[in-house]
PDB file of all heavy atoms in Angstrom:
ATOM      1  N   PHE A   1    -123.510-127.093 177.376  1.00  0.00           N
ATOM      2  CA  PHE A   1    -124.014-128.158 176.509  1.00  0.00           C
ATOM      3  C   PHE A   1    -122.905-128.779 175.659  1.00  0.00           C
ATOM      4  O   PHE A   1    -123.161-129.387 174.621  1.00  0.00           O
ATOM      5  CB  PHE A   1    -125.163-127.646 175.638  1.00  0.00           C
ATOM      6  CG  PHE A   1    -126.401-127.356 176.444  1.00  0.00           C
ATOM      7  CD1 PHE A   1    -126.745-126.054 176.767  1.00  0.00           C
ATOM      8  CD2 PHE A   1    -127.193-128.388 176.910  1.00  0.00           C
ATOM      9  CE1 PHE A   1    -127.865-125.777 177.530  1.00  0.00           C
ATOM     10  CE2 PHE A   1    -128.321-128.139 177.668  1.00  0.00           C
ATOM     11  CZ  PHE A   1    -128.662-126.827 177.991  1.00  0.00           C
ATOM     12  N   ASP A   2    -121.676-128.630 176.097  1.00  0.00           N
ATOM     13  CA  ASP A   2    -120.485-129.248 175.497  1.00  0.00           C
ATOM     14  C   ASP A   2    -120.241-128.855 174.041  1.00  0.00           C
ATOM     15  O   ASP A   2    -119.607-129.591 173.301  1.00  0.00           O
ATOM     16  CB  ASP A   2    -120.541-130.782 175.616  1.00  0.00           C
ATOM     17  CG  ASP A   2    -120.482-131.230 177.067  1.00  0.00           C
ATOM     18  OD1 ASP A   2    -119.765-130.569 177.858  1.00  0.00           O
ATOM     19  OD2 ASP A   2    -121.150-132.220 177.408  1.00  0.00           O
ATOM     20  N   VAL A   3    -120.763-127.721 173.622  1.00  0.00           N
ATOM     21  CA  VAL A   3    -120.448-127.217 172.285  1.00  0.00           C
ATOM     22  C   VAL A   3    -119.050-126.611 172.307  1.00  0.00           C
ATOM     23  O   VAL A   3    -118.274-126.773 171.369  1.00  0.00           O
ATOM     24  CB  VAL A   3    -121.497-126.182 171.815  1.00  0.00           C
ATOM     25  CG1 VAL A   3    -121.113-125.587 170.484  1.00  0.00           C
ATOM     26  CG2 VAL A   3    -122.873-126.822 171.743  1.00  0.00           C
ATOM     27  N   LEU A   4    -118.718-125.949 173.402  1.00  0.00           N
ATOM     28  CA  LEU A   4    -117.369-125.437 173.619  1.00  0.00           C
ATOM     29  C   LEU A   4    -116.698-126.303 174.678  1.00  0.00           C
ATOM     30  O   LEU A   4    -117.289-126.573 175.720  1.00  0.00           O
ATOM     31  CB  LEU A   4    -117.400-123.980 174.115  1.00  0.00           C
ATOM     32  CG  LEU A   4    -117.907-122.939 173.135  1.00  0.00           C
ATOM     33  CD1 LEU A   4    -117.964-121.575 173.818  1.00  0.00           C
ATOM     34  CD2 LEU A   4    -117.002-122.865 171.925  1.00  0.00           C
ATOM     35  N   PRO A   5    -115.472-126.719 174.430  1.00  0.00           N
ATOM     36  CA  PRO A   5    -114.807-127.590 175.404  1.00  0.00           C
ATOM     37  C   PRO A   5    -114.331-126.812 176.647  1.00  0.00           C
ATOM     38  O   PRO A   5    -114.081-125.614 176.589  1.00  0.00           O
ATOM     39  CB  PRO A   5    -113.609-128.138 174.623  1.00  0.00           C
ATOM     40  CG  PRO A   5    -113.326-127.091 173.607  1.00  0.00           C
ATOM     41  CD  PRO A   5    -114.654-126.471 173.265  1.00  0.00           C
ATOM     42  N   ARG A   6    -114.217-127.528 177.754  1.00  0.00           N
ATOM     43  CA  ARG A   6    -113.662-126.970 178.987  1.00  0.00           C
ATOM     44  C   ARG A   6    -112.164-127.213 179.010  1.00  0.00           C
ATOM     45  O   ARG A   6    -111.702-128.246 178.545  1.00  0.00           O
ATOM     46  CB  ARG A   6    -114.241-127.671 180.216  1.00  0.00           C
ATOM     47  CG  ARG A   6    -115.637-127.365 180.477  1.00  0.00           C
ATOM     48  CD  ARG A   6    -116.034-128.069 181.780  1.00  0.00           C
ATOM     49  NE  ARG A   6    -117.285-127.518 182.198  1.00  0.00           N
ATOM     50  CZ  ARG A   6    -117.393-126.371 182.859  1.00  0.00           C
ATOM     51  NH1 ARG A   6    -116.343-125.723 183.221  1.00  0.00           N
ATOM     52  NH2 ARG A   6    -118.567-125.898 183.163  1.00  0.00           N
ATOM     53  N   LYS A   7    -111.438-126.321 179.619  1.00  0.00           N
ATOM     54  CA  LYS A   7    -109.995-126.537 179.788  1.00  0.00           C
ATOM     55  C   LYS A   7    -109.766-127.621 180.825  1.00  0.00           C
ATOM     56  O   LYS A   7    -108.921-128.487 180.652  1.00  0.00           O
ATOM     57  CB  LYS A   7    -109.305-125.242 180.194  1.00  0.00           C
ATOM     58  CG  LYS A   7    -109.263-124.222 179.081  1.00  0.00           C
ATOM     59  CD  LYS A   7    -108.505-123.000 179.503  1.00  0.00           C
ATOM     60  CE  LYS A   7    -108.519-122.000 178.352  1.00  0.00           C
ATOM     61  NZ  LYS A   7    -107.804-120.804 178.658  1.00  0.00           N
ATOM     62  N   LYS A   8    -110.522-127.540 181.930  1.00  0.00           N
ATOM     63  CA  LYS A   8    -110.412-128.539 182.988  1.00  0.00           C
ATOM     64  C   LYS A   8    -111.811-129.013 183.358  1.00  0.00           C
ATOM     65  O   LYS A   8    -112.624-128.211 183.817  1.00  0.00           O
ATOM     66  CB  LYS A   8    -109.787-127.926 184.236  1.00  0.00           C
ATOM     67  CG  LYS A   8    -108.323-127.651 184.159  1.00  0.00           C
ATOM     68  CD  LYS A   8    -107.923-126.841 185.377  1.00  0.00           C
ATOM     69  CE  LYS A   8    -106.828-127.451 186.163  1.00  0.00           C
ATOM     70  NZ  LYS A   8    -106.468-126.623 187.330  1.00  0.00           N
ATOM     71  N   PRO A   9    -112.108-130.266 183.156  1.00  0.00           N
ATOM     72  CA  PRO A   9    -113.430-130.755 183.550  1.00  0.00           C
ATOM     73  C   PRO A   9    -113.591-130.678 185.081  1.00  0.00           C
ATOM     74  O   PRO A   9    -112.665-130.952 185.823  1.00  0.00           O
ATOM     75  CB  PRO A   9    -113.426-132.214 183.089  1.00  0.00           C
ATOM     76  CG  PRO A   9    -112.325-132.319 182.102  1.00  0.00           C
ATOM     77  CD  PRO A   9    -111.322-131.279 182.466  1.00  0.00           C
ATOM     78  N   THR A  10    -114.771-130.255 185.507  1.00  0.00           N
ATOM     79  CA  THR A  10    -115.075-130.197 186.931  1.00  0.00           C
ATOM     80  C   THR A  10    -116.360-130.969 187.176  1.00  0.00           C
ATOM     81  O   THR A  10    -117.205-131.082 186.278  1.00  0.00           O
ATOM     82  CB  THR A  10    -115.243-128.736 187.412  1.00  0.00           C
ATOM     83  OG1 THR A  10    -116.268-128.121 186.654  1.00  0.00           O
ATOM     84  CG2 THR A  10    -113.958-127.943 187.259  1.00  0.00           C
ATOM     85  N   PRO A  11    -116.556-131.482 188.397  1.00  0.00           N
ATOM     86  CA  PRO A  11    -117.725-132.318 188.648  1.00  0.00           C
ATOM     87  C   PRO A  11    -119.054-131.597 188.473  1.00  0.00           C
ATOM     88  O   PRO A  11    -120.021-132.176 188.005  1.00  0.00           O
ATOM     89  CB  PRO A  11    -117.557-132.783 190.092  1.00  0.00           C
ATOM     90  CG  PRO A  11    -116.340-132.142 190.626  1.00  0.00           C
ATOM     91  CD  PRO A  11    -115.672-131.402 189.528  1.00  0.00           C
ATOM     92  N   HIS A  12    -119.141-130.344 188.839  1.00  0.00           N
ATOM     93  CA  HIS A  12    -120.412-129.611 188.732  1.00  0.00           C
ATOM     94  C   HIS A  12    -120.308-128.460 187.734  1.00  0.00           C
ATOM     95  O   HIS A  12    -121.035-127.479 187.836  1.00  0.00           O
ATOM     96  CB  HIS A  12    -120.818-129.062 190.097  1.00  0.00           C
ATOM     97  CG  HIS A  12    -120.981-130.120 191.146  1.00  0.00           C
ATOM     98  ND1 HIS A  12    -121.993-131.052 191.086  1.00  0.00           N
ATOM     99  CD2 HIS A  12    -120.245-130.409 192.244  1.00  0.00           C
ATOM    100  CE1 HIS A  12    -121.879-131.864 192.121  1.00  0.00           C
ATOM    101  NE2 HIS A  12    -120.820-131.499 192.842  1.00  0.00           N
ATOM    102  N   GLY A  13    -119.432-128.573 186.772  1.00  0.00           N
ATOM    103  CA  GLY A  13    -119.185-127.501 185.816  1.00  0.00           C
ATOM    104  C   GLY A  13    -120.398-127.109 185.005  1.00  0.00           C
ATOM    105  O   GLY A  13    -120.691-125.927 184.825  1.00  0.00           O
ATOM    106  N   LYS A  14    -121.144-128.102 184.513  1.00  0.00           N
ATOM    107  CA  LYS A  14    -122.330-127.812 183.701  1.00  0.00           C
ATOM    108  C   LYS A  14    -123.382-127.090 184.514  1.00  0.00           C
ATOM    109  O   LYS A  14    -123.982-126.121 184.056  1.00  0.00           O
ATOM    110  CB  LYS A  14    -122.922-129.096 183.119  1.00  0.00           C
ATOM    111  CG  LYS A  14    -122.098-129.708 182.032  1.00  0.00           C
ATOM    112  CD  LYS A  14    -122.778-130.931 181.477  1.00  0.00           C
ATOM    113  CE  LYS A  14    -121.882-131.578 180.434  1.00  0.00           C
ATOM    114  NZ  LYS A  14    -122.533-132.689 179.776  1.00  0.00           N
ATOM    115  N   LEU A  15    -123.582-127.551 185.733  1.00  0.00           N
ATOM    116  CA  LEU A  15    -124.564-126.936 186.609  1.00  0.00           C
ATOM    117  C   LEU A  15    -124.167-125.499 186.943  1.00  0.00           C
ATOM    118  O   LEU A  15    -125.004-124.592 186.920  1.00  0.00           O
ATOM    119  CB  LEU A  15    -124.715-127.757 187.893  1.00  0.00           C
ATOM    120  CG  LEU A  15    -125.825-127.332 188.836  1.00  0.00           C
ATOM    121  CD1 LEU A  15    -127.171-127.384 188.135  1.00  0.00           C
ATOM    122  CD2 LEU A  15    -125.833-128.233 190.065  1.00  0.00           C
ATOM    123  N   THR A  16    -122.898-125.280 187.211  1.00  0.00           N
ATOM    124  CA  THR A  16    -122.404-123.934 187.506  1.00  0.00           C
ATOM    125  C   THR A  16    -122.582-123.018 186.300  1.00  0.00           C
ATOM    126  O   THR A  16    -123.048-121.887 186.433  1.00  0.00           O
ATOM    127  CB  THR A  16    -120.914-123.976 187.912  1.00  0.00           C
ATOM    128  OG1 THR A  16    -120.780-124.816 189.058  1.00  0.00           O
ATOM    129  CG2 THR A  16    -120.377-122.599 188.224  1.00  0.00           C
ATOM    130  N   ASP A  17    -122.223-123.525 185.116  1.00  0.00           N
ATOM    131  CA  ASP A  17    -122.376-122.731 183.892  1.00  0.00           C
ATOM    132  C   ASP A  17    -123.833-122.346 183.660  1.00  0.00           C
ATOM    133  O   ASP A  17    -124.142-121.197 183.335  1.00  0.00           O
ATOM    134  CB  ASP A  17    -121.857-123.492 182.674  1.00  0.00           C
ATOM    135  CG  ASP A  17    -120.347-123.596 182.635  1.00  0.00           C
ATOM    136  OD1 ASP A  17    -119.675-122.856 183.392  1.00  0.00           O
ATOM    137  OD2 ASP A  17    -119.835-124.417 181.854  1.00  0.00           O
ATOM    138  N   LEU A  18    -124.736-123.301 183.840  1.00  0.00           N
ATOM    139  CA  LEU A  18    -126.162-123.009 183.640  1.00  0.00           C
ATOM    140  C   LEU A  18    -126.684-122.047 184.698  1.00  0.00           C
ATOM    141  O   LEU A  18    -127.506-121.174 184.391  1.00  0.00           O
ATOM    142  CB  LEU A  18    -126.974-124.297 183.642  1.00  0.00           C
ATOM    143  CG  LEU A  18    -126.814-125.167 182.398  1.00  0.00           C
ATOM    144  CD1 LEU A  18    -127.542-126.497 182.575  1.00  0.00           C
ATOM    145  CD2 LEU A  18    -127.322-124.441 181.166  1.00  0.00           C
ATOM    146  N   GLY A  19    -126.216-122.175 185.928  1.00  0.00           N
ATOM    147  CA  GLY A  19    -126.634-121.255 186.997  1.00  0.00           C
ATOM    148  C   GLY A  19    -126.194-119.827 186.718  1.00  0.00           C
ATOM    149  O   GLY A  19    -126.987-118.880 186.837  1.00  0.00           O
ATOM    150  N   VAL A  20    -124.943-119.660 186.325  1.00  0.00           N
ATOM    151  CA  VAL A  20    -124.434-118.321 186.014  1.00  0.00           C
ATOM    152  C   VAL A  20    -125.129-117.782 184.765  1.00  0.00           C
ATOM    153  O   VAL A  20    -125.495-116.598 184.705  1.00  0.00           O
ATOM    154  CB  VAL A  20    -122.892-118.337 185.846  1.00  0.00           C
ATOM    155  CG1 VAL A  20    -122.386-116.997 185.350  1.00  0.00           C
ATOM    156  CG2 VAL A  20    -122.219-118.718 187.158  1.00  0.00           C
ATOM    157  N   ALA A  21    -125.352-118.641 183.785  1.00  0.00           N
ATOM    158  CA  ALA A  21    -126.062-118.209 182.568  1.00  0.00           C
ATOM    159  C   ALA A  21    -127.481-117.770 182.904  1.00  0.00           C
ATOM    160  O   ALA A  21    -127.985-116.792 182.342  1.00  0.00           O
ATOM    161  CB  ALA A  21    -126.077-119.332 181.531  1.00  0.00           C
ATOM    162  N   ALA A  22    -128.135-118.459 183.839  1.00  0.00           N
ATOM    163  CA  ALA A  22    -129.493-118.073 184.241  1.00  0.00           C
ATOM    164  C   ALA A  22    -129.485-116.688 184.886  1.00  0.00           C
ATOM    165  O   ALA A  22    -130.355-115.853 184.605  1.00  0.00           O
ATOM    166  CB  ALA A  22    -130.072-119.105 185.200  1.00  0.00           C
ATOM    167  N   ILE A  23    -128.514-116.427 185.737  1.00  0.00           N
ATOM    168  CA  ILE A  23    -128.403-115.108 186.376  1.00  0.00           C
ATOM    169  C   ILE A  23    -128.167-114.033 185.321  1.00  0.00           C
ATOM    170  O   ILE A  23    -128.800-112.977 185.336  1.00  0.00           O
ATOM    171  CB  ILE A  23    -127.283-115.108 187.437  1.00  0.00           C
ATOM    172  CG1 ILE A  23    -127.691-116.009 188.607  1.00  0.00           C
ATOM    173  CG2 ILE A  23    -126.973-113.689 187.914  1.00  0.00           C
ATOM    174  CD1 ILE A  23    -126.570-116.304 189.579  1.00  0.00           C
ATOM    175  N   LEU A  24    -127.259-114.306 184.387  1.00  0.00           N
ATOM    176  CA  LEU A  24    -126.995-113.344 183.310  1.00  0.00           C
ATOM    177  C   LEU A  24    -128.236-113.150 182.447  1.00  0.00           C
ATOM    178  O   LEU A  24    -128.516-112.036 181.994  1.00  0.00           O
ATOM    179  CB  LEU A  24    -125.821-113.804 182.452  1.00  0.00           C
ATOM    180  CG  LEU A  24    -124.443-113.769 183.122  1.00  0.00           C
ATOM    181  CD1 LEU A  24    -123.391-114.358 182.192  1.00  0.00           C
ATOM    182  CD2 LEU A  24    -124.077-112.371 183.534  1.00  0.00           C
ATOM    183  N   GLY A  25    -128.973-114.223 182.220  1.00  0.00           N
ATOM    184  CA  GLY A  25    -130.209-114.121 181.439  1.00  0.00           C
ATOM    185  C   GLY A  25    -131.216-113.191 182.101  1.00  0.00           C
ATOM    186  O   GLY A  25    -131.866-112.376 181.437  1.00  0.00           O
ATOM    187  N   VAL A  26    -131.332-113.292 183.417  1.00  0.00           N
ATOM    188  CA  VAL A  26    -132.239-112.402 184.156  1.00  0.00           C
ATOM    189  C   VAL A  26    -131.763-110.951 184.031  1.00  0.00           C
ATOM    190  O   VAL A  26    -132.554-110.043 183.773  1.00  0.00           O
ATOM    191  CB  VAL A  26    -132.343-112.828 185.639  1.00  0.00           C
ATOM    192  CG1 VAL A  26    -133.040-111.775 186.462  1.00  0.00           C
ATOM    193  CG2 VAL A  26    -133.055-114.167 185.755  1.00  0.00           C
ATOM    194  N   LEU A  27    -130.459-110.727 184.209  1.00  0.00           N
ATOM    195  CA  LEU A  27    -129.920-109.365 184.086  1.00  0.00           C
ATOM    196  C   LEU A  27    -130.163-108.791 182.692  1.00  0.00           C
ATOM    197  O   LEU A  27    -130.544-107.621 182.548  1.00  0.00           O
ATOM    198  CB  LEU A  27    -128.418-109.349 184.397  1.00  0.00           C
ATOM    199  CG  LEU A  27    -128.027-109.597 185.842  1.00  0.00           C
ATOM    200  CD1 LEU A  27    -126.509-109.732 185.964  1.00  0.00           C
ATOM    201  CD2 LEU A  27    -128.534-108.476 186.728  1.00  0.00           C
ATOM    202  N   LEU A  28    -129.953-109.601 181.674  1.00  0.00           N
ATOM    203  CA  LEU A  28    -130.186-109.137 180.302  1.00  0.00           C
ATOM    204  C   LEU A  28    -131.664-108.846 180.063  1.00  0.00           C
ATOM    205  O   LEU A  28    -132.007-107.852 179.421  1.00  0.00           O
ATOM    206  CB  LEU A  28    -129.676-110.165 179.296  1.00  0.00           C
ATOM    207  CG  LEU A  28    -128.166-110.248 179.156  1.00  0.00           C
ATOM    208  CD1 LEU A  28    -127.767-111.505 178.390  1.00  0.00           C
ATOM    209  CD2 LEU A  28    -127.630-109.008 178.468  1.00  0.00           C
ATOM    210  N   THR A  29    -132.532-109.700 180.585  1.00  0.00           N
ATOM    211  CA  THR A  29    -133.973-109.493 180.420  1.00  0.00           C
ATOM    212  C   THR A  29    -134.404-108.191 181.068  1.00  0.00           C
ATOM    213  O   THR A  29    -135.146-107.399 180.481  1.00  0.00           O
ATOM    214  CB  THR A  29    -134.757-110.678 181.016  1.00  0.00           C
ATOM    215  OG1 THR A  29    -134.334-111.872 180.357  1.00  0.00           O
ATOM    216  CG2 THR A  29    -136.246-110.498 180.849  1.00  0.00           C
ATOM    217  N   VAL A  30    -133.940-107.960 182.287  1.00  0.00           N
ATOM    218  CA  VAL A  30    -134.272-106.716 182.982  1.00  0.00           C
ATOM    219  C   VAL A  30    -133.755-105.514 182.199  1.00  0.00           C
ATOM    220  O   VAL A  30    -134.453-104.511 182.035  1.00  0.00           O
ATOM    221  CB  VAL A  30    -133.701-106.729 184.418  1.00  0.00           C
ATOM    222  CG1 VAL A  30    -133.779-105.359 185.059  1.00  0.00           C
ATOM    223  CG2 VAL A  30    -134.434-107.753 185.264  1.00  0.00           C
ATOM    224  N   THR A  31    -132.548-105.610 181.678  1.00  0.00           N
ATOM    225  CA  THR A  31    -131.965-104.511 180.898  1.00  0.00           C
ATOM    226  C   THR A  31    -132.810-104.208 179.665  1.00  0.00           C
ATOM    227  O   THR A  31    -133.101-103.052 179.386  1.00  0.00           O
ATOM    228  CB  THR A  31    -130.528-104.854 180.465  1.00  0.00           C
ATOM    229  OG1 THR A  31    -129.724-105.031 181.623  1.00  0.00           O
ATOM    230  CG2 THR A  31    -129.930-103.757 179.605  1.00  0.00           C
ATOM    231  N   PHE A  32    -133.219-105.245 178.941  1.00  0.00           N
ATOM    232  CA  PHE A  32    -133.964-105.012 177.713  1.00  0.00           C
ATOM    233  C   PHE A  32    -135.397-104.560 177.961  1.00  0.00           C
ATOM    234  O   PHE A  32    -135.909-103.720 177.246  1.00  0.00           O
ATOM    235  CB  PHE A  32    -133.952-106.256 176.824  1.00  0.00           C
ATOM    236  CG  PHE A  32    -132.628-106.509 176.181  1.00  0.00           C
ATOM    237  CD1 PHE A  32    -131.963-107.703 176.383  1.00  0.00           C
ATOM    238  CD2 PHE A  32    -132.030-105.555 175.393  1.00  0.00           C
ATOM    239  CE1 PHE A  32    -130.728-107.938 175.795  1.00  0.00           C
ATOM    240  CE2 PHE A  32    -130.794-105.768 174.801  1.00  0.00           C
ATOM    241  CZ  PHE A  32    -130.142-106.972 175.011  1.00  0.00           C
ATOM    242  N   PHE A  33    -136.055-105.092 178.978  1.00  0.00           N
ATOM    243  CA  PHE A  33    -137.450-104.731 179.206  1.00  0.00           C
ATOM    244  C   PHE A  33    -137.625-103.439 179.990  1.00  0.00           C
ATOM    245  O   PHE A  33    -138.646-102.787 179.883  1.00  0.00           O
ATOM    246  CB  PHE A  33    -138.222-105.875 179.865  1.00  0.00           C
ATOM    247  CG  PHE A  33    -138.508-106.984 178.913  1.00  0.00           C
ATOM    248  CD1 PHE A  33    -137.868-108.197 179.042  1.00  0.00           C
ATOM    249  CD2 PHE A  33    -139.385-106.812 177.863  1.00  0.00           C
ATOM    250  CE1 PHE A  33    -138.114-109.222 178.148  1.00  0.00           C
ATOM    251  CE2 PHE A  33    -139.641-107.822 176.962  1.00  0.00           C
ATOM    252  CZ  PHE A  33    -139.003-109.042 177.099  1.00  0.00           C
ATOM    253  N   ASN A  34    -136.651-103.065 180.767  1.00  0.00           N
ATOM    254  CA  ASN A  34    -136.734-101.792 181.481  1.00  0.00           C
ATOM    255  C   ASN A  34    -136.214-100.652 180.636  1.00  0.00           C
ATOM    256  O   ASN A  34    -136.336 -99.505 181.002  1.00  0.00           O
ATOM    257  CB  ASN A  34    -135.939-101.835 182.793  1.00  0.00           C
ATOM    258  CG  ASN A  34    -136.688-102.532 183.879  1.00  0.00           C
ATOM    259  OD1 ASN A  34    -137.893-102.717 183.779  1.00  0.00           O
ATOM    260  ND2 ASN A  34    -135.985-102.921 184.922  1.00  0.00           N
ATOM    261  N   GLY A  35    -135.608-100.956 179.527  1.00  0.00           N
ATOM    262  CA  GLY A  35    -135.016 -99.916 178.703  1.00  0.00           C
ATOM    263  C   GLY A  35    -133.708 -99.467 179.323  1.00  0.00           C
ATOM    264  O   GLY A  35    -133.296 -99.921 180.374  1.00  0.00           O
ATOM    265  N   ARG A  36    -133.065 -98.582 178.655  1.00  0.00           N
ATOM    266  CA  ARG A  36    -131.796 -98.064 179.127  1.00  0.00           C
ATOM    267  C   ARG A  36    -132.038 -96.984 180.150  1.00  0.00           C
ATOM    268  O   ARG A  36    -132.717 -96.007 179.868  1.00  0.00           O
ATOM    269  CB  ARG A  36    -130.997 -97.467 177.961  1.00  0.00           C
ATOM    270  CG  ARG A  36    -130.736 -98.463 176.887  1.00  0.00           C
ATOM    271  CD  ARG A  36    -129.496 -99.171 177.199  1.00  0.00           C
ATOM    272  NE  ARG A  36    -129.257-100.159 176.180  1.00  0.00           N
ATOM    273  CZ  ARG A  36    -128.277-100.981 176.232  1.00  0.00           C
ATOM    274  NH1 ARG A  36    -127.452-100.949 177.216  1.00  0.00           N
ATOM    275  NH2 ARG A  36    -128.106-101.870 175.302  1.00  0.00           N
ATOM    276  N   ALA A  37    -131.473 -97.137 181.298  1.00  0.00           N
ATOM    277  CA  ALA A  37    -131.561 -96.087 182.310  1.00  0.00           C
ATOM    278  C   ALA A  37    -130.513 -95.037 181.959  1.00  0.00           C
ATOM    279  O   ALA A  37    -129.336 -95.308 181.956  1.00  0.00           O
ATOM    280  CB  ALA A  37    -131.300 -96.663 183.684  1.00  0.00           C
ATOM    281  N   ASP A  38    -130.982 -93.891 181.586  1.00  0.00           N
ATOM    282  CA  ASP A  38    -130.095 -92.795 181.227  1.00  0.00           C
ATOM    283  C   ASP A  38    -129.799 -91.995 182.482  1.00  0.00           C
ATOM    284  O   ASP A  38    -130.646 -91.825 183.347  1.00  0.00           O
ATOM    285  CB  ASP A  38    -130.795 -91.922 180.178  1.00  0.00           C
ATOM    286  CG  ASP A  38    -129.905 -90.843 179.607  1.00  0.00           C
ATOM    287  OD1 ASP A  38    -128.778 -90.656 180.085  1.00  0.00           O
ATOM    288  OD2 ASP A  38    -130.352 -90.171 178.661  1.00  0.00           O
ATOM    289  N   ALA A  39    -128.581 -91.492 182.574  1.00  0.00           N
ATOM    290  CA  ALA A  39    -128.191 -90.690 183.732  1.00  0.00           C
ATOM    291  C   ALA A  39    -129.101 -89.478 183.893  1.00  0.00           C
ATOM    292  O   ALA A  39    -129.271 -88.966 184.990  1.00  0.00           O
ATOM    293  CB  ALA A  39    -126.741 -90.237 183.576  1.00  0.00           C
ATOM    294  N   TRP A  40    -129.714 -89.038 182.821  1.00  0.00           N
ATOM    295  CA  TRP A  40    -130.561 -87.845 182.860  1.00  0.00           C
ATOM    296  C   TRP A  40    -132.021 -88.176 183.148  1.00  0.00           C
ATOM    297  O   TRP A  40    -132.853 -87.282 183.227  1.00  0.00           O
ATOM    298  CB  TRP A  40    -130.418 -87.070 181.558  1.00  0.00           C
ATOM    299  CG  TRP A  40    -129.018 -86.575 181.410  1.00  0.00           C
ATOM    300  CD1 TRP A  40    -128.020 -87.141 180.685  1.00  0.00           C
ATOM    301  CD2 TRP A  40    -128.442 -85.448 182.064  1.00  0.00           C
ATOM    302  NE1 TRP A  40    -126.859 -86.437 180.847  1.00  0.00           N
ATOM    303  CE2 TRP A  40    -127.095 -85.382 181.681  1.00  0.00           C
ATOM    304  CE3 TRP A  40    -128.939 -84.486 182.931  1.00  0.00           C
ATOM    305  CZ2 TRP A  40    -126.239 -84.396 182.144  1.00  0.00           C
ATOM    306  CZ3 TRP A  40    -128.081 -83.492 183.381  1.00  0.00           C
ATOM    307  CH2 TRP A  40    -126.749 -83.455 182.993  1.00  0.00           C
ATOM    308  N   ASP A  41    -132.369 -89.459 183.326  1.00  0.00           N
ATOM    309  CA  ASP A  41    -133.748 -89.852 183.588  1.00  0.00           C
ATOM    310  C   ASP A  41    -134.160 -89.686 185.046  1.00  0.00           C
ATOM    311  O   ASP A  41    -135.336 -89.677 185.347  1.00  0.00           O
ATOM    312  CB  ASP A  41    -133.986 -91.312 183.174  1.00  0.00           C
ATOM    313  CG  ASP A  41    -134.103 -91.469 181.671  1.00  0.00           C
ATOM    314  OD1 ASP A  41    -134.301 -90.457 180.977  1.00  0.00           O
ATOM    315  OD2 ASP A  41    -133.981 -92.605 181.197  1.00  0.00           O
ATOM    316  N   GLY A  42    -133.205 -89.571 185.952  1.00  0.00           N
ATOM    317  CA  GLY A  42    -133.526 -89.400 187.362  1.00  0.00           C
ATOM    318  C   GLY A  42    -134.025 -87.993 187.646  1.00  0.00           C
ATOM    319  O   GLY A  42    -133.935 -87.092 186.808  1.00  0.00           O
ATOM    320  N   ASP A  43    -134.576 -87.807 188.840  1.00  0.00           N
ATOM    321  CA  ASP A  43    -135.107 -86.493 189.226  1.00  0.00           C
ATOM    322  C   ASP A  43    -134.049 -85.402 189.108  1.00  0.00           C
ATOM    323  O   ASP A  43    -134.311 -84.326 188.569  1.00  0.00           O
ATOM    324  CB  ASP A  43    -135.650 -86.524 190.654  1.00  0.00           C
ATOM    325  CG  ASP A  43    -136.955 -87.295 190.756  1.00  0.00           C
ATOM    326  OD1 ASP A  43    -137.646 -87.429 189.728  1.00  0.00           O
ATOM    327  OD2 ASP A  43    -137.275 -87.756 191.864  1.00  0.00           O
TER     328      ASP A  43
END
């Protein structure tokens, strides 16, 4: 959202940033809602 500047502008930079952010958002959501998987939680 152009709050932080890019070093080199790219044609699809915003789309790439949002795509990667969406993937990270899913990973973070799964981490927070599943709780911390402790090594001792397995069988």
